Amino acid sequence: MFWTIVGAFLVIDINLAMGYSMATVLRVDGYRVIIRTRDHEPPHVHVYCSGYEEHVVLDLVPVGVRELRRMRPKHVVKAVRLVEDAADYLMNCWEEIHEQD
């Protein structure tokens, strides 16, 4: 596994052949919020709960569910609230990570 620093973030290279890397930008109450490098617009985050089993993709503006992968409804609600509360911070993270694209 390889890693690099992008701005203030440690970015872990998951699949070097595909250019797939990710940065964990927030951890709260068992939730992990990541932003992938070289990811598509619009700005969004991936929120994981219970390891990698539960996953939701949330747009940042406005905050809303883009894609749901096996996350329980009560966890989706909590993930949305977490992203809403940290939306400004997360948007700054997105911009910092993607300014080099």
PDB file of N, CA and C in Angstrom:
ATOM      1  N   MET A   1       0.851  -1.169   0.000  1.00  0.00           N
ATOM      2  CA  MET A   1       0.000   0.000   0.000  1.00  0.00           C
ATOM      3  C   MET A   1       0.902   1.239   0.000  1.00  0.00           C
ATOM      4  N   PHE A   2       0.524   2.219  -0.791  1.00  0.00           N
ATOM      5  CA  PHE A   2       1.273   3.457  -0.891  1.00  0.00           C
ATOM      6  C   PHE A   2       0.432   4.601  -0.343  1.00  0.00           C
ATOM      7  N   TRP A   3       1.094   5.658   0.074  1.00  0.00           N
ATOM      8  CA  TRP A   3       0.377   6.823   0.552  1.00  0.00           C
ATOM      9  C   TRP A   3       1.121   8.081   0.141  1.00  0.00           C
ATOM     10  N   THR A   4       0.389   9.183   0.099  1.00  0.00           N
ATOM     11  CA  THR A   4       0.952  10.494  -0.205  1.00  0.00           C
ATOM     12  C   THR A   4       0.228  11.523   0.648  1.00  0.00           C
ATOM     13  N   ILE A   5       0.757  12.720   0.681  1.00  0.00           N
ATOM     14  CA  ILE A   5       0.100  13.817   1.376  1.00  0.00           C
ATOM     15  C   ILE A   5      -0.464  14.760   0.322  1.00  0.00           C
ATOM     16  N   VAL A   6      -1.749  15.080   0.420  1.00  0.00           N
ATOM     17  CA  VAL A   6      -2.396  16.066  -0.448  1.00  0.00           C
ATOM     18  C   VAL A   6      -2.953  17.128   0.479  1.00  0.00           C
ATOM     19  N   GLY A   7      -2.371  18.316   0.440  1.00  0.00           N
ATOM     20  CA  GLY A   7      -2.777  19.348   1.387  1.00  0.00           C
ATOM     21  C   GLY A   7      -2.522  18.858   2.798  1.00  0.00           C
ATOM     22  N   ALA A   8      -3.570  18.837   3.598  1.00  0.00           N
ATOM     23  CA  ALA A   8      -3.449  18.403   4.981  1.00  0.00           C
ATOM     24  C   ALA A   8      -3.870  16.940   5.164  1.00  0.00           C
ATOM     25  N   PHE A   9      -4.051  16.202   4.063  1.00  0.00           N
ATOM     26  CA  PHE A   9      -4.628  14.876   4.147  1.00  0.00           C
ATOM     27  C   PHE A   9      -3.653  13.782   3.757  1.00  0.00           C
ATOM     28  N   LEU A  10      -3.706  12.694   4.498  1.00  0.00           N
ATOM     29  CA  LEU A  10      -2.992  11.480   4.143  1.00  0.00           C
ATOM     30  C   LEU A  10      -3.883  10.733   3.166  1.00  0.00           C
ATOM     31  N   VAL A  11      -3.391  10.504   1.963  1.00  0.00           N
ATOM     32  CA  VAL A  11      -4.173   9.841   0.919  1.00  0.00           C
ATOM     33  C   VAL A  11      -3.603   8.448   0.705  1.00  0.00           C
ATOM     34  N   ILE A  12      -4.466   7.458   0.844  1.00  0.00           N
ATOM     35  CA  ILE A  12      -4.074   6.062   0.684  1.00  0.00           C
ATOM     36  C   ILE A  12      -4.410   5.616  -0.737  1.00  0.00           C
ATOM     37  N   ASP A  13      -3.424   5.071  -1.447  1.00  0.00           N
ATOM     38  CA  ASP A  13      -3.644   4.541  -2.791  1.00  0.00           C
ATOM     39  C   ASP A  13      -4.178   3.124  -2.667  1.00  0.00           C
ATOM     40  N   ILE A  14      -5.398   2.914  -3.116  1.00  0.00           N
ATOM     41  CA  ILE A  14      -6.042   1.617  -3.019  1.00  0.00           C
ATOM     42  C   ILE A  14      -5.791   0.788  -4.271  1.00  0.00           C
ATOM     43  N   ASN A  15      -5.932   1.393  -5.439  1.00  0.00           N
ATOM     44  CA  ASN A  15      -5.753   0.685  -6.696  1.00  0.00           C
ATOM     45  C   ASN A  15      -4.943   1.578  -7.623  1.00  0.00           C
ATOM     46  N   LEU A  16      -3.657   1.379  -7.649  1.00  0.00           N
ATOM     47  CA  LEU A  16      -2.776   2.250  -8.425  1.00  0.00           C
ATOM     48  C   LEU A  16      -3.060   2.171  -9.922  1.00  0.00           C
ATOM     49  N   ALA A  17      -3.465   1.021 -10.407  1.00  0.00           N
ATOM     50  CA  ALA A  17      -3.740   0.879 -11.839  1.00  0.00           C
ATOM     51  C   ALA A  17      -4.926   1.733 -12.263  1.00  0.00           C
ATOM     52  N   MET A  18      -5.923   1.873 -11.391  1.00  0.00           N
ATOM     53  CA  MET A  18      -7.116   2.653 -11.706  1.00  0.00           C
ATOM     54  C   MET A  18      -6.991   4.099 -11.246  1.00  0.00           C
ATOM     55  N   GLY A  19      -5.928   4.428 -10.515  1.00  0.00           N
ATOM     56  CA  GLY A  19      -5.780   5.774  -9.988  1.00  0.00           C
ATOM     57  C   GLY A  19      -6.730   6.068  -8.844  1.00  0.00           C
ATOM     58  N   TYR A  20      -7.161   5.045  -8.154  1.00  0.00           N
ATOM     59  CA  TYR A  20      -8.150   5.151  -7.088  1.00  0.00           C
ATOM     60  C   TYR A  20      -7.452   5.353  -5.752  1.00  0.00           C
ATOM     61  N   SER A  21      -7.601   6.539  -5.179  1.00  0.00           N
ATOM     62  CA  SER A  21      -7.051   6.853  -3.865  1.00  0.00           C
ATOM     63  C   SER A  21      -8.135   7.505  -3.041  1.00  0.00           C
ATOM     64  N   MET A  22      -7.965   7.469  -1.732  1.00  0.00           N
ATOM     65  CA  MET A  22      -8.977   8.092  -0.880  1.00  0.00           C
ATOM     66  C   MET A  22      -8.347   8.699   0.356  1.00  0.00           C
ATOM     67  N   ALA A  23      -9.016   9.727   0.863  1.00  0.00           N
ATOM     68  CA  ALA A  23      -8.573  10.388   2.086  1.00  0.00           C
ATOM     69  C   ALA A  23      -9.720  10.356   3.093  1.00  0.00           C
ATOM     70  N   THR A  24      -9.435   9.896   4.292  1.00  0.00           N
ATOM     71  CA  THR A  24     -10.418   9.982   5.367  1.00  0.00           C
ATOM     72  C   THR A  24     -10.354  11.396   5.908  1.00  0.00           C
ATOM     73  N   VAL A  25     -11.463  12.122   5.823  1.00  0.00           N
ATOM     74  CA  VAL A  25     -11.472  13.529   6.227  1.00  0.00           C
ATOM     75  C   VAL A  25     -12.234  13.766   7.525  1.00  0.00           C
ATOM     76  N   LEU A  26     -12.981  12.757   7.990  1.00  0.00           N
ATOM     77  CA  LEU A  26     -13.747  12.929   9.222  1.00  0.00           C
ATOM     78  C   LEU A  26     -14.111  11.562   9.778  1.00  0.00           C
ATOM     79  N   ARG A  27     -14.005  11.430  11.097  1.00  0.00           N
ATOM     80  CA  ARG A  27     -14.478  10.239  11.811  1.00  0.00           C
ATOM     81  C   ARG A  27     -15.302  10.719  13.002  1.00  0.00           C
ATOM     82  N   VAL A  28     -16.552  10.237  13.061  1.00  0.00           N
ATOM     83  CA  VAL A  28     -17.445  10.635  14.148  1.00  0.00           C
ATOM     84  C   VAL A  28     -18.339   9.447  14.503  1.00  0.00           C
ATOM     85  N   ASP A  29     -18.361   9.065  15.781  1.00  0.00           N
ATOM     86  CA  ASP A  29     -19.284   8.044  16.289  1.00  0.00           C
ATOM     87  C   ASP A  29     -19.363   6.785  15.427  1.00  0.00           C
ATOM     88  N   GLY A  30     -18.234   6.280  14.983  1.00  0.00           N
ATOM     89  CA  GLY A  30     -18.226   5.061  14.181  1.00  0.00           C
ATOM     90  C   GLY A  30     -18.445   5.276  12.694  1.00  0.00           C
ATOM     91  N   TYR A  31     -18.645   6.516  12.284  1.00  0.00           N
ATOM     92  CA  TYR A  31     -18.795   6.843  10.863  1.00  0.00           C
ATOM     93  C   TYR A  31     -17.473   7.366  10.330  1.00  0.00           C
ATOM     94  N   ARG A  32     -17.158   6.969   9.109  1.00  0.00           N
ATOM     95  CA  ARG A  32     -15.926   7.399   8.460  1.00  0.00           C
ATOM     96  C   ARG A  32     -16.304   8.078   7.154  1.00  0.00           C
ATOM     97  N   VAL A  33     -15.873   9.333   6.981  1.00  0.00           N
ATOM     98  CA  VAL A  33     -16.191  10.093   5.780  1.00  0.00           C
ATOM     99  C   VAL A  33     -14.928  10.183   4.930  1.00  0.00           C
ATOM    100  N   ILE A  34     -15.039   9.742   3.677  1.00  0.00           N
ATOM    101  CA  ILE A  34     -13.879   9.787   2.791  1.00  0.00           C
ATOM    102  C   ILE A  34     -14.204  10.588   1.536  1.00  0.00           C
ATOM    103  N   ILE A  35     -13.145  11.121   0.945  1.00  0.00           N
ATOM    104  CA  ILE A  35     -13.222  11.764  -0.362  1.00  0.00           C
ATOM    105  C   ILE A  35     -12.197  11.064  -1.238  1.00  0.00           C
ATOM    106  N   ARG A  36     -12.634  10.633  -2.396  1.00  0.00           N
ATOM    107  CA  ARG A  36     -11.731   9.967  -3.331  1.00  0.00           C
ATOM    108  C   ARG A  36     -11.055  11.000  -4.226  1.00  0.00           C
ATOM    109  N   THR A  37      -9.785  10.800  -4.482  1.00  0.00           N
ATOM    110  CA  THR A  37      -9.092  11.665  -5.428  1.00  0.00           C
ATOM    111  C   THR A  37      -9.558  11.279  -6.828  1.00  0.00           C
ATOM    112  N   ARG A  38      -9.455  12.207  -7.747  1.00  0.00           N
ATOM    113  CA  ARG A  38      -9.855  11.974  -9.148  1.00  0.00           C
ATOM    114  C   ARG A  38     -11.277  11.454  -9.255  1.00  0.00           C
ATOM    115  N   ASP A  39     -12.143  11.907  -8.373  1.00  0.00           N
ATOM    116  CA  ASP A  39     -13.550  11.506  -8.405  1.00  0.00           C
ATOM    117  C   ASP A  39     -14.341  12.529  -9.216  1.00  0.00           C
ATOM    118  N   HIS A  40     -15.502  12.134  -9.645  1.00  0.00           N
ATOM    119  CA  HIS A  40     -16.333  12.955 -10.529  1.00  0.00           C
ATOM    120  C   HIS A  40     -17.087  14.041  -9.764  1.00  0.00           C
ATOM    121  N   GLU A  41     -17.527  15.049 -10.484  1.00  0.00           N
ATOM    122  CA  GLU A  41     -18.426  16.071  -9.963  1.00  0.00           C
ATOM    123  C   GLU A  41     -19.832  15.472  -9.928  1.00  0.00           C
ATOM    124  N   PRO A  42     -20.762  16.018  -9.191  1.00  0.00           N
ATOM    125  CA  PRO A  42     -20.626  17.136  -8.266  1.00  0.00           C
ATOM    126  C   PRO A  42     -19.914  16.693  -6.992  1.00  0.00           C
ATOM    127  N   PRO A  43     -19.445  17.662  -6.201  1.00  0.00           N
ATOM    128  CA  PRO A  43     -18.766  17.322  -4.944  1.00  0.00           C
ATOM    129  C   PRO A  43     -19.634  16.411  -4.078  1.00  0.00           C
ATOM    130  N   HIS A  44     -19.032  15.348  -3.592  1.00  0.00           N
ATOM    131  CA  HIS A  44     -19.749  14.392  -2.758  1.00  0.00           C
ATOM    132  C   HIS A  44     -18.757  13.660  -1.862  1.00  0.00           C
ATOM    133  N   VAL A  45     -19.275  12.984  -0.860  1.00  0.00           N
ATOM    134  CA  VAL A  45     -18.457  12.195   0.060  1.00  0.00           C
ATOM    135  C   VAL A  45     -19.027  10.791   0.147  1.00  0.00           C
ATOM    136  N   HIS A  46     -18.176   9.867   0.577  1.00  0.00           N
ATOM    137  CA  HIS A  46     -18.571   8.484   0.831  1.00  0.00           C
ATOM    138  C   HIS A  46     -18.548   8.311   2.347  1.00  0.00           C
ATOM    139  N   VAL A  47     -19.656   7.836   2.911  1.00  0.00           N
ATOM    140  CA  VAL A  47     -19.750   7.659   4.360  1.00  0.00           C
ATOM    141  C   VAL A  47     -19.905   6.172   4.649  1.00  0.00           C
ATOM    142  N   TYR A  48     -18.996   5.662   5.475  1.00  0.00           N
ATOM    143  CA  TYR A  48     -19.002   4.255   5.847  1.00  0.00           C
ATOM    144  C   TYR A  48     -19.387   4.121   7.311  1.00  0.00           C
ATOM    145  N   CYS A  49     -20.117   3.056   7.601  1.00  0.00           N
ATOM    146  CA  CYS A  49     -20.497   2.716   8.969  1.00  0.00           C
ATOM    147  C   CYS A  49     -20.324   1.209   9.090  1.00  0.00           C
ATOM    148  N   SER A  50     -19.960   0.736  10.248  1.00  0.00           N
ATOM    149  CA  SER A  50     -19.747  -0.700  10.457  1.00  0.00           C
ATOM    150  C   SER A  50     -18.687  -1.240   9.513  1.00  0.00           C
ATOM    151  N   GLY A  51     -17.534  -0.581   9.502  1.00  0.00           N
ATOM    152  CA  GLY A  51     -16.459  -1.000   8.613  1.00  0.00           C
ATOM    153  C   GLY A  51     -16.801  -0.642   7.182  1.00  0.00           C
ATOM    154  N   TYR A  52     -16.732  -1.607   6.296  1.00  0.00           N
ATOM    155  CA  TYR A  52     -17.041  -1.356   4.895  1.00  0.00           C
ATOM    156  C   TYR A  52     -18.371  -1.976   4.481  1.00  0.00           C
ATOM    157  N   GLU A  53     -19.126  -2.507   5.421  1.00  0.00           N
ATOM    158  CA  GLU A  53     -20.387  -3.150   5.076  1.00  0.00           C
ATOM    159  C   GLU A  53     -21.456  -2.137   4.671  1.00  0.00           C
ATOM    160  N   GLU A  54     -21.569  -1.051   5.401  1.00  0.00           N
ATOM    161  CA  GLU A  54     -22.608  -0.061   5.134  1.00  0.00           C
ATOM    162  C   GLU A  54     -21.970   1.176   4.525  1.00  0.00           C
ATOM    163  N   HIS A  55     -22.570   1.673   3.441  1.00  0.00           N
ATOM    164  CA  HIS A  55     -21.943   2.756   2.686  1.00  0.00           C
ATOM    165  C   HIS A  55     -23.033   3.599   2.042  1.00  0.00           C
ATOM    166  N   VAL A  56     -22.905   4.918   2.130  1.00  0.00           N
ATOM    167  CA  VAL A  56     -23.814   5.821   1.439  1.00  0.00           C
ATOM    168  C   VAL A  56     -22.972   6.915   0.802  1.00  0.00           C
ATOM    169  N   VAL A  57     -23.369   7.357  -0.388  1.00  0.00           N
ATOM    170  CA  VAL A  57     -22.697   8.459  -1.067  1.00  0.00           C
ATOM    171  C   VAL A  57     -23.628   9.661  -0.975  1.00  0.00           C
ATOM    172  N   LEU A  58     -23.097  10.767  -0.423  1.00  0.00           N
ATOM    173  CA  LEU A  58     -23.910  11.956  -0.218  1.00  0.00           C
ATOM    174  C   LEU A  58     -23.349  13.139  -0.993  1.00  0.00           C
ATOM    175  N   ASP A  59     -24.222  13.801  -1.767  1.00  0.00           N
ATOM    176  CA  ASP A  59     -23.840  15.052  -2.413  1.00  0.00           C
ATOM    177  C   ASP A  59     -23.676  16.117  -1.337  1.00  0.00           C
ATOM    178  N   LEU A  60     -22.801  17.083  -1.589  1.00  0.00           N
ATOM    179  CA  LEU A  60     -22.566  18.138  -0.604  1.00  0.00           C
ATOM    180  C   LEU A  60     -23.468  19.352  -0.800  1.00  0.00           C
ATOM    181  N   VAL A  61     -23.839  19.673  -2.043  1.00  0.00           N
ATOM    182  CA  VAL A  61     -24.668  20.855  -2.288  1.00  0.00           C
ATOM    183  C   VAL A  61     -25.805  20.492  -3.224  1.00  0.00           C
ATOM    184  N   PRO A  62     -27.050  20.445  -2.792  1.00  0.00           N
ATOM    185  CA  PRO A  62     -27.414  20.343  -1.380  1.00  0.00           C
ATOM    186  C   PRO A  62     -27.107  18.936  -0.871  1.00  0.00           C
ATOM    187  N   VAL A  63     -27.044  18.804   0.441  1.00  0.00           N
ATOM    188  CA  VAL A  63     -26.758  17.491   1.017  1.00  0.00           C
ATOM    189  C   VAL A  63     -27.918  16.561   0.690  1.00  0.00           C
ATOM    190  N   GLY A  64     -27.607  15.428   0.101  1.00  0.00           N
ATOM    191  CA  GLY A  64     -28.633  14.450  -0.242  1.00  0.00           C
ATOM    192  C   GLY A  64     -28.008  13.134  -0.648  1.00  0.00           C
ATOM    193  N   VAL A  65     -28.799  12.085  -0.576  1.00  0.00           N
ATOM    194  CA  VAL A  65     -28.313  10.742  -0.892  1.00  0.00           C
ATOM    195  C   VAL A  65     -28.187  10.582  -2.402  1.00  0.00           C
ATOM    196  N   ARG A  66     -27.004  10.209  -2.847  1.00  0.00           N
ATOM    197  CA  ARG A  66     -26.730   9.933  -4.260  1.00  0.00           C
ATOM    198  C   ARG A  66     -26.823   8.428  -4.518  1.00  0.00           C
ATOM    199  N   GLU A  67     -26.315   7.643  -3.599  1.00  0.00           N
ATOM    200  CA  GLU A  67     -26.220   6.199  -3.804  1.00  0.00           C
ATOM    201  C   GLU A  67     -26.223   5.518  -2.445  1.00  0.00           C
ATOM    202  N   LEU A  68     -26.963   4.445  -2.321  1.00  0.00           N
ATOM    203  CA  LEU A  68     -27.074   3.734  -1.050  1.00  0.00           C
ATOM    204  C   LEU A  68     -26.607   2.301  -1.245  1.00  0.00           C
ATOM    205  N   ARG A  69     -25.688   1.883  -0.384  1.00  0.00           N
ATOM    206  CA  ARG A  69     -25.150   0.514  -0.463  1.00  0.00           C
ATOM    207  C   ARG A  69     -25.247  -0.154   0.903  1.00  0.00           C
ATOM    208  N   ARG A  70     -26.335  -0.854   1.108  1.00  0.00           N
ATOM    209  CA  ARG A  70     -26.510  -1.691   2.290  1.00  0.00           C
ATOM    210  C   ARG A  70     -26.471  -0.935   3.615  1.00  0.00           C
ATOM    211  N   MET A  71     -26.817   0.330   3.649  1.00  0.00           N
ATOM    212  CA  MET A  71     -26.829   1.061   4.914  1.00  0.00           C
ATOM    213  C   MET A  71     -28.261   1.069   5.464  1.00  0.00           C
ATOM    214  N   ARG A  72     -28.380   0.782   6.734  1.00  0.00           N
ATOM    215  CA  ARG A  72     -29.680   0.775   7.400  1.00  0.00           C
ATOM    216  C   ARG A  72     -30.257   2.190   7.446  1.00  0.00           C
ATOM    217  N   PRO A  73     -31.576   2.317   7.358  1.00  0.00           N
ATOM    218  CA  PRO A  73     -32.201   3.645   7.348  1.00  0.00           C
ATOM    219  C   PRO A  73     -31.779   4.541   8.506  1.00  0.00           C
ATOM    220  N   LYS A  74     -31.696   4.002   9.723  1.00  0.00           N
ATOM    221  CA  LYS A  74     -31.310   4.847  10.860  1.00  0.00           C
ATOM    222  C   LYS A  74     -29.878   5.357  10.707  1.00  0.00           C
ATOM    223  N   HIS A  75     -29.006   4.572  10.058  1.00  0.00           N
ATOM    224  CA  HIS A  75     -27.632   5.010   9.835  1.00  0.00           C
ATOM    225  C   HIS A  75     -27.558   6.041   8.713  1.00  0.00           C
ATOM    226  N   VAL A  76     -28.447   5.906   7.717  1.00  0.00           N
ATOM    227  CA  VAL A  76     -28.496   6.909   6.642  1.00  0.00           C
ATOM    228  C   VAL A  76     -28.877   8.263   7.229  1.00  0.00           C
ATOM    229  N   VAL A  77     -29.882   8.274   8.087  1.00  0.00           N
ATOM    230  CA  VAL A  77     -30.322   9.532   8.717  1.00  0.00           C
ATOM    231  C   VAL A  77     -29.176  10.157   9.493  1.00  0.00           C
ATOM    232  N   LYS A  78     -28.454   9.356  10.263  1.00  0.00           N
ATOM    233  CA  LYS A  78     -27.337   9.888  11.039  1.00  0.00           C
ATOM    234  C   LYS A  78     -26.209  10.372  10.125  1.00  0.00           C
ATOM    235  N   ALA A  79     -25.938   9.650   9.046  1.00  0.00           N
ATOM    236  CA  ALA A  79     -24.896  10.059   8.099  1.00  0.00           C
ATOM    237  C   ALA A  79     -25.252  11.385   7.440  1.00  0.00           C
ATOM    238  N   VAL A  80     -26.505  11.547   7.059  1.00  0.00           N
ATOM    239  CA  VAL A  80     -26.952  12.810   6.442  1.00  0.00           C
ATOM    240  C   VAL A  80     -26.783  13.956   7.432  1.00  0.00           C
ATOM    241  N   ARG A  81     -27.177  13.755   8.674  1.00  0.00           N
ATOM    242  CA  ARG A  81     -27.023  14.814   9.694  1.00  0.00           C
ATOM    243  C   ARG A  81     -25.552  15.157   9.913  1.00  0.00           C
ATOM    244  N   LEU A  82     -24.708  14.137   9.958  1.00  0.00           N
ATOM    245  CA  LEU A  82     -23.273  14.359  10.138  1.00  0.00           C
ATOM    246  C   LEU A  82     -22.722  15.216   8.989  1.00  0.00           C
ATOM    247  N   VAL A  83     -23.089  14.881   7.761  1.00  0.00           N
ATOM    248  CA  VAL A  83     -22.607  15.627   6.594  1.00  0.00           C
ATOM    249  C   VAL A  83     -23.196  17.039   6.576  1.00  0.00           C
ATOM    250  N   GLU A  84     -24.457  17.182   6.935  1.00  0.00           N
ATOM    251  CA  GLU A  84     -25.053  18.522   7.008  1.00  0.00           C
ATOM    252  C   GLU A  84     -24.302  19.394   8.012  1.00  0.00           C
ATOM    253  N   ASP A  85     -24.005  18.832   9.178  1.00  0.00           N
ATOM    254  CA  ASP A  85     -23.315  19.593  10.227  1.00  0.00           C
ATOM    255  C   ASP A  85     -21.900  19.987   9.820  1.00  0.00           C
ATOM    256  N   ALA A  86     -21.270  19.186   8.975  1.00  0.00           N
ATOM    257  CA  ALA A  86     -19.875  19.438   8.592  1.00  0.00           C
ATOM    258  C   ALA A  86     -19.744  19.859   7.128  1.00  0.00           C
ATOM    259  N   ALA A  87     -20.839  20.307   6.510  1.00  0.00           N
ATOM    260  CA  ALA A  87     -20.859  20.560   5.063  1.00  0.00           C
ATOM    261  C   ALA A  87     -19.791  21.560   4.623  1.00  0.00           C
ATOM    262  N   ASP A  88     -19.616  22.664   5.340  1.00  0.00           N
ATOM    263  CA  ASP A  88     -18.612  23.659   4.949  1.00  0.00           C
ATOM    264  C   ASP A  88     -17.212  23.065   5.006  1.00  0.00           C
ATOM    265  N   TYR A  89     -16.916  22.373   6.087  1.00  0.00           N
ATOM    266  CA  TYR A  89     -15.613  21.726   6.235  1.00  0.00           C
ATOM    267  C   TYR A  89     -15.385  20.707   5.112  1.00  0.00           C
ATOM    268  N   LEU A  90     -16.404  19.885   4.833  1.00  0.00           N
ATOM    269  CA  LEU A  90     -16.267  18.847   3.815  1.00  0.00           C
ATOM    270  C   LEU A  90     -16.093  19.448   2.422  1.00  0.00           C
ATOM    271  N   MET A  91     -16.783  20.550   2.140  1.00  0.00           N
ATOM    272  CA  MET A  91     -16.613  21.211   0.848  1.00  0.00           C
ATOM    273  C   MET A  91     -15.195  21.759   0.714  1.00  0.00           C
ATOM    274  N   ASN A  92     -14.658  22.325   1.783  1.00  0.00           N
ATOM    275  CA  ASN A  92     -13.263  22.787   1.766  1.00  0.00           C
ATOM    276  C   ASN A  92     -12.309  21.628   1.523  1.00  0.00           C
ATOM    277  N   CYS A  93     -12.574  20.491   2.141  1.00  0.00           N
ATOM    278  CA  CYS A  93     -11.748  19.300   1.925  1.00  0.00           C
ATOM    279  C   CYS A  93     -11.816  18.867   0.469  1.00  0.00           C
ATOM    280  N   TRP A  94     -13.035  18.813  -0.092  1.00  0.00           N
ATOM    281  CA  TRP A  94     -13.209  18.413  -1.500  1.00  0.00           C
ATOM    282  C   TRP A  94     -12.380  19.320  -2.402  1.00  0.00           C
ATOM    283  N   GLU A  95     -12.502  20.637  -2.181  1.00  0.00           N
ATOM    284  CA  GLU A  95     -11.787  21.597  -3.025  1.00  0.00           C
ATOM    285  C   GLU A  95     -10.279  21.452  -2.891  1.00  0.00           C
ATOM    286  N   GLU A  96      -9.807  21.246  -1.673  1.00  0.00           N
ATOM    287  CA  GLU A  96      -8.364  21.095  -1.474  1.00  0.00           C
ATOM    288  C   GLU A  96      -7.837  19.823  -2.131  1.00  0.00           C
ATOM    289  N   ILE A  97      -8.555  18.739  -2.006  1.00  0.00           N
ATOM    290  CA  ILE A  97      -8.126  17.467  -2.579  1.00  0.00           C
ATOM    291  C   ILE A  97      -8.184  17.494  -4.109  1.00  0.00           C
ATOM    292  N   HIS A  98      -9.175  18.179  -4.663  1.00  0.00           N
ATOM    293  CA  HIS A  98      -9.361  18.182  -6.112  1.00  0.00           C
ATOM    294  C   HIS A  98      -8.752  19.379  -6.839  1.00  0.00           C
ATOM    295  N   GLU A  99      -8.121  20.289  -6.128  1.00  0.00           N
ATOM    296  CA  GLU A  99      -7.534  21.443  -6.805  1.00  0.00           C
ATOM    297  C   GLU A  99      -6.377  21.049  -7.722  1.00  0.00           C
ATOM    298  N   GLN A 100      -5.817  19.874  -7.521  1.00  0.00           N
ATOM    299  CA  GLN A 100      -4.686  19.428  -8.340  1.00  0.00           C
ATOM    300  C   GLN A 100      -5.133  18.650  -9.571  1.00  0.00           C
ATOM    301  N   ASP A 101      -6.440  18.370  -9.696  1.00  0.00           N
ATOM    302  CA  ASP A 101      -6.949  17.608 -10.849  1.00  0.00           C
ATOM    303  C   ASP A 101      -6.871  18.439 -12.119  1.00  0.00           C
TER     304      ASP A 101
END
